[in-house]
Structures are given as C-alpha cells and as structure tokens.
Amino acid sequence: MQYGICNLSIVSLRFEPSDKSELTSQVLYGDYFKIIEQRKSWSKIRLAFDNYEGWLDNKQYIEITEEQYKVLNQETPKFLVDLVEFIQDKDEQLHSISLGSSLNGLSILNHRFDGNFITDILSKSNIIKIAFLYLNAPFLWGGKTPFGIDCSGFTQMVYKLNGYKLLREASQQATQGEALSFIEESEPGDLAFFDNNEGIITHVGIIMKDNYIIHAYGKVRIDRLDHSGIYNVDKKVHTHKLRVIKKVI
C-alpha cells in the first residue's frame, strides 16, 4: 500500500482518470490518503478523513510513508479557520490555502504557517457561526471551498471545522445520526435531507433557529424550512421536498 498527501491548495478529485471526467470532490491542502491504484498519470485514492475515493493527478500530490500516514491519523486535527491564508515553503515562496485545509502535515511538507487554526471539538452552538463563513459561496458540483461548494460539501466542511466527521455525499450523510419525527424537535445545527421524485436523497442543509435553513443551492443561502421542504424566499416557491431530519451531534 502506498500513501500520499496534497501539497497544493485545491485539487480536483475525478470520477475517472481524465481531466475531462466529472469532478466528484476536491482534495484540500494537507489532506492525506491511501493510494489504492496507480497509473502513469493518475492515482485512485481513498481519503483518510471520510474514505471517499476518486482519481487524482499524479502531479498534484506527493507520496509519504506508511509511518507518516499513521502519525497523521493519530494526531489531533488542525484546520485553517480563515477564508484564505498562506504557507511558506523551504524556498520562502508563498502558497495560498483555503478554509478547512489541514495543517498537520506541515513538517512532512517542510512548510511553515503562522496563522489561525482550529484544533478542538467545538460545541454545537458554533455550527451556524462556521456555516456563515461560506455564505454566498457559489454552488460548484464537487466543490468544498468558499470559492465553490456543493450541498454535502458544505455540510461536511462545516461539521469538519467543528471537529465532527460527516461522509461526503448527501445520501451517505443521511445514514448518520438519529432521525427526528418533527421539525419542532430539531435545533440549530441539525441536518435536513431532501429527496427527488424517485425517493433518492439529493440535497442536505443545516437547520437554523426559527424555521430557517442554510444550504448550497445556486449559492450558499438562507431560506425557510417547513414540513413540506425548503421555501425559496426569492422565488416564492418550494424548491426541495423534505425527507428526514437528522441529529448527528
């Protein structure tokens, strides 16, 4: 088994080993992973954080040892808490990194960082505060940053910055936590899931107080939530059909 770590700010994770293939997620600076298949130009990886798999360009990561992988896995996570910051390499060149980047691999990458980071498990009351850091971020299928993010990438990153692990896709996240019977049982920070006409869960958002929800739809936005689903305050229509509410924390 081989192992790797992302040494660049934001890297595309693709469904197939091709630049033309669908973007399924992103690998952020400091994310580390197992290499489960390696080809001339691409590697299929399994991220340590959520076991999500995809294809990564071989030019956009560096290999690490099994021992280094295990050390990273055992350390308390440290995540960048600012929208954008810089790390400095051994040649004193600056490299930008984005909100949610992992800082545990700095010594392995021979980089230096002097900014702010989160390293604790935070209280549930902090969920909405972190969520607001992504407000108005444009929707991007497979995205995980304030410069482009999808619905489940948004919920995963917000929970990640509070010290909790969610799986990558909305349908996967819906398998986590405890189901609630009514909206009235929920509290800010709980997750609401929505399905399509075939009953497949395709959307997720974070419940706020007073029957509001923050979610990624066109952009990260705030809408109303009722027993039918999400009521878009701009279009004056329901855009998503409520399936289940989950309490993960």
Protein backbone atom coordinates (compact mmCIF):
# COMPACT_ATOMS: atom_id res chain seq x y z
CA MET A 1 0.00 0.00 0.00
CA GLN A 2 1.21 3.49 -0.89
CA TYR A 3 0.23 6.78 0.72
CA GLY A 4 0.11 10.45 -0.25
CA ILE A 5 -0.61 13.98 0.91
CA CYS A 6 -1.90 17.00 -1.02
CA ASN A 7 0.73 19.75 -1.18
CA LEU A 8 -1.40 22.19 -3.22
CA SER A 9 -4.32 24.40 -2.21
CA ILE A 10 -7.33 22.86 -4.01
CA VAL A 11 -7.06 19.81 -6.26
CA SER A 12 -9.79 18.13 -8.33
CA LEU A 13 -10.86 14.59 -7.47
CA ARG A 14 -12.41 12.97 -10.53
CA PHE A 15 -14.70 10.04 -11.25
CA GLU A 16 -12.33 8.62 -13.88
CA PRO A 17 -8.60 9.14 -14.59
CA SER A 18 -9.06 12.03 -17.02
CA ASP A 19 -9.12 15.82 -16.90
CA LYS A 20 -12.40 15.60 -18.83
CA SER A 21 -14.03 13.39 -16.22
CA GLU A 22 -16.66 14.59 -13.74
CA LEU A 23 -15.46 16.48 -10.67
CA THR A 24 -16.76 14.41 -7.74
CA SER A 25 -14.96 16.20 -4.90
CA GLN A 26 -11.88 18.21 -4.05
CA VAL A 27 -8.71 17.45 -2.12
CA LEU A 28 -7.54 20.36 0.01
CA TYR A 29 -4.06 21.23 1.18
CA GLY A 30 -2.87 18.77 3.81
CA ASP A 31 -5.48 16.08 3.07
CA TYR A 32 -3.80 12.68 3.19
CA PHE A 33 -4.87 9.38 1.73
CA LYS A 34 -4.16 5.82 0.69
CA ILE A 35 -3.24 5.15 -2.94
CA ILE A 36 -5.30 2.14 -3.98
CA GLU A 37 -4.38 2.13 -7.68
CA GLN A 38 -1.60 3.93 -9.52
CA ARG A 39 -1.25 4.55 -13.25
CA LYS A 40 1.19 6.56 -15.35
CA SER A 41 -0.56 9.92 -14.88
CA TRP A 42 -3.33 9.25 -12.33
CA SER A 43 -3.83 7.60 -8.96
CA LYS A 44 -7.03 6.31 -7.41
CA ILE A 45 -7.04 7.39 -3.78
CA ARG A 46 -9.07 6.83 -0.62
CA LEU A 47 -9.14 9.89 1.64
CA ALA A 48 -8.37 9.23 5.29
CA PHE A 49 -11.00 11.68 6.54
CA ASP A 50 -14.11 10.10 5.01
CA ASN A 51 -12.90 7.11 2.92
CA TYR A 52 -14.11 8.88 -0.23
CA GLU A 53 -12.49 7.56 -3.42
CA GLY A 54 -11.59 9.18 -6.71
CA TRP A 55 -8.82 9.84 -9.22
CA LEU A 56 -6.07 12.38 -8.57
CA ASP A 57 -3.48 13.74 -10.99
CA ASN A 58 -0.05 12.35 -10.04
CA LYS A 59 1.48 15.82 -10.38
CA GLN A 60 -0.75 17.19 -7.64
CA TYR A 61 0.37 15.28 -4.56
CA ILE A 62 3.48 13.82 -3.01
CA GLU A 63 3.97 10.34 -1.61
CA ILE A 64 4.51 9.77 2.10
CA THR A 65 5.49 6.71 4.11
CA GLU A 66 3.12 4.40 5.94
CA GLU A 67 4.62 5.63 9.21
CA GLN A 68 3.91 9.27 8.30
CA TYR A 69 0.34 8.32 7.36
CA LYS A 70 -0.18 6.63 10.72
CA VAL A 71 1.23 9.64 12.60
CA LEU A 72 -1.14 11.97 10.74
CA ASN A 73 -4.03 9.64 11.56
CA GLN A 74 -3.21 9.71 15.27
CA GLU A 75 -2.72 13.45 15.67
CA THR A 76 -5.44 15.86 16.74
CA PRO A 77 -6.59 17.56 13.51
CA LYS A 78 -5.67 21.20 12.89
CA PHE A 79 -7.73 23.08 10.31
CA LEU A 80 -7.31 26.54 8.83
CA VAL A 81 -10.07 28.82 10.11
CA ASP A 82 -9.54 31.84 7.81
CA LEU A 83 -11.02 32.09 4.32
CA VAL A 84 -7.55 32.34 2.73
CA GLU A 85 -4.06 32.19 4.20
CA PHE A 86 -0.52 31.46 3.08
CA ILE A 87 2.05 28.83 3.89
CA GLN A 88 5.74 29.30 3.17
CA ASP A 89 7.91 26.58 1.62
CA LYS A 90 11.63 25.89 2.15
CA ASP A 91 12.50 28.38 -0.61
CA GLU A 92 10.41 31.05 1.18
CA GLN A 93 7.82 31.04 -1.59
CA LEU A 94 4.22 31.67 -0.55
CA HIS A 95 1.37 29.29 -1.39
CA SER A 96 -2.29 30.14 -0.79
CA ILE A 97 -4.52 27.71 1.11
CA SER A 98 -8.24 27.92 1.84
CA LEU A 99 -10.65 27.49 4.74
CA GLY A 100 -10.68 23.92 6.07
CA SER A 101 -7.19 22.99 4.89
CA SER A 102 -5.36 20.54 7.16
CA LEU A 103 -2.21 21.79 8.87
CA ASN A 104 -1.00 18.54 10.43
CA GLY A 105 1.35 17.77 7.55
CA LEU A 106 3.38 21.00 7.68
CA SER A 107 6.55 19.31 8.91
CA ILE A 108 6.23 16.49 6.36
CA LEU A 109 5.85 19.03 3.56
CA ASN A 110 8.59 21.25 5.01
CA HIS A 111 6.22 24.22 5.12
CA ARG A 112 5.71 26.97 7.68
CA PHE A 113 2.43 28.52 8.81
CA ASP A 114 1.87 31.32 11.34
CA GLY A 115 -1.89 31.91 11.12
CA ASN A 116 -5.02 30.84 12.98
CA PHE A 117 -6.35 27.31 13.15
CA ILE A 118 -8.98 25.20 14.91
CA THR A 119 -7.92 22.09 16.77
CA ASP A 120 -10.76 21.43 19.23
CA ILE A 121 -14.14 19.76 19.09
CA LEU A 122 -16.44 22.76 19.32
CA SER A 123 -19.93 22.96 20.77
CA LYS A 124 -22.97 22.51 18.55
CA SER A 125 -23.80 26.20 19.03
CA ASN A 126 -20.76 27.00 16.87
CA ILE A 127 -22.14 25.15 13.80
CA ILE A 128 -24.13 28.09 12.43
CA LYS A 129 -21.28 30.53 13.10
CA ILE A 130 -18.96 28.40 10.97
CA ALA A 131 -21.67 27.92 8.32
CA PHE A 132 -21.84 31.69 7.85
CA LEU A 133 -18.21 31.68 6.69
CA TYR A 134 -19.48 30.04 3.49
CA LEU A 135 -22.50 32.32 2.98
CA ASN A 136 -22.88 33.34 -0.70
CA ALA A 137 -20.21 30.88 -1.87
CA PRO A 138 -21.18 29.86 -5.43
CA PHE A 139 -22.51 26.35 -5.99
CA LEU A 140 -19.99 24.00 -7.60
CA TRP A 141 -20.69 20.30 -8.05
CA GLY A 142 -17.93 18.51 -6.14
CA GLY A 143 -16.69 21.72 -4.51
CA LYS A 144 -15.55 22.04 -0.89
CA THR A 145 -14.34 25.66 -0.54
CA PRO A 146 -15.76 29.20 -0.23
CA PHE A 147 -14.89 29.63 -3.92
CA GLY A 148 -17.27 26.86 -4.97
CA ILE A 149 -19.12 24.24 -2.94
CA ASP A 150 -21.97 21.74 -3.24
CA CYS A 151 -24.66 20.97 -0.67
CA SER A 152 -22.97 17.99 1.00
CA GLY A 153 -19.51 19.54 0.71
CA PHE A 154 -20.91 22.50 2.63
CA THR A 155 -22.35 20.42 5.46
CA GLN A 156 -19.26 18.20 5.60
CA MET A 157 -16.85 21.14 5.82
CA VAL A 158 -18.91 22.98 8.46
CA TYR A 159 -19.04 19.87 10.64
CA LYS A 160 -15.35 19.19 9.96
CA LEU A 161 -14.36 22.64 11.24
CA ASN A 162 -16.32 21.92 14.41
CA GLY A 163 -14.46 18.65 14.95
CA TYR A 164 -17.03 16.16 13.60
CA LYS A 165 -16.94 13.77 10.66
CA LEU A 166 -19.64 13.57 8.02
CA LEU A 167 -19.44 11.38 4.94
CA ARG A 168 -19.08 13.10 1.56
CA GLU A 169 -22.42 12.72 -0.24
CA ALA A 170 -25.89 13.73 0.96
CA SER A 171 -27.23 10.18 0.66
CA GLN A 172 -24.28 8.93 2.75
CA GLN A 173 -24.70 11.64 5.38
CA ALA A 174 -28.37 10.64 5.70
CA THR A 175 -27.23 7.29 7.15
CA GLN A 176 -25.58 9.08 10.10
CA GLY A 177 -27.17 10.29 13.30
CA GLU A 178 -30.62 9.92 14.84
CA ALA A 179 -33.82 10.62 12.87
CA LEU A 180 -36.24 13.14 14.32
CA SER A 181 -40.01 12.94 13.84
CA PHE A 182 -40.80 16.64 13.56
CA ILE A 183 -39.09 19.91 12.71
CA GLU A 184 -40.09 21.11 16.18
CA GLU A 185 -37.75 18.50 17.70
CA SER A 186 -34.74 19.91 15.85
CA GLU A 187 -32.28 22.53 16.97
CA PRO A 188 -29.78 24.74 15.14
CA GLY A 189 -27.00 22.59 13.70
CA ASP A 190 -29.15 19.56 12.87
CA LEU A 191 -29.28 18.35 9.26
CA ALA A 192 -32.31 18.27 6.97
CA PHE A 193 -32.33 15.93 3.96
CA PHE A 194 -34.42 16.17 0.81
CA ASP A 195 -35.27 13.64 -1.89
CA ASN A 196 -36.34 13.62 -5.53
CA ASN A 197 -39.39 12.03 -7.15
CA GLU A 198 -37.69 8.63 -7.09
CA GLY A 199 -37.13 8.86 -3.33
CA ILE A 200 -33.35 9.33 -3.67
CA ILE A 201 -31.79 11.81 -1.25
CA THR A 202 -30.17 14.52 -3.34
CA HIS A 203 -29.88 17.54 -1.04
CA VAL A 204 -28.91 18.48 2.51
CA GLY A 205 -28.82 21.67 4.57
CA ILE A 206 -28.21 22.87 8.11
CA ILE A 207 -31.19 23.87 10.24
CA MET A 208 -31.14 27.29 11.87
CA LYS A 209 -33.44 28.73 14.52
CA ASP A 210 -36.97 29.98 13.77
CA ASN A 211 -37.50 27.54 10.85
CA TYR A 212 -34.71 28.78 8.63
CA ILE A 213 -32.15 26.65 6.81
CA ILE A 214 -28.73 27.42 5.32
CA HIS A 215 -27.81 25.33 2.28
CA ALA A 216 -25.98 25.37 -1.07
CA TYR A 217 -28.42 25.94 -3.94
CA GLY A 218 -27.04 28.25 -6.62
CA LYS A 219 -25.03 29.66 -3.77
CA VAL A 220 -24.88 29.12 -0.03
CA ARG A 221 -28.09 30.84 1.01
CA ILE A 222 -30.71 31.08 3.74
CA ASP A 223 -34.29 30.01 3.10
CA ARG A 224 -37.38 29.00 5.04
CA LEU A 225 -37.95 25.40 6.17
CA ASP A 226 -41.39 23.89 6.74
CA HIS A 227 -42.94 20.42 6.82
CA SER A 228 -43.06 20.33 3.02
CA GLY A 229 -39.44 21.29 2.50
CA ILE A 230 -37.43 24.37 1.55
CA TYR A 231 -39.34 27.51 0.63
CA ASN A 232 -37.16 29.75 -1.53
CA VAL A 233 -37.60 33.30 -0.23
CA ASP A 234 -36.61 34.83 -3.59
CA LYS A 235 -38.63 32.65 -5.97
CA LYS A 236 -41.57 32.24 -3.54
CA VAL A 237 -41.79 28.51 -4.28
CA HIS A 238 -40.80 25.24 -2.63
CA THR A 239 -37.58 24.00 -4.23
CA HIS A 240 -36.85 20.83 -2.22
CA LYS A 241 -39.05 18.12 -0.67
CA LEU A 242 -38.25 17.25 2.94
CA ARG A 243 -37.38 13.60 3.58
CA VAL A 244 -35.84 13.39 7.05
CA ILE A 245 -34.18 15.43 9.77
CA LYS A 246 -31.11 14.01 11.49
CA LYS A 247 -29.40 14.88 14.76
CA VAL A 248 -25.73 13.95 14.38
CA ILE A 249 -24.39 15.88 17.37
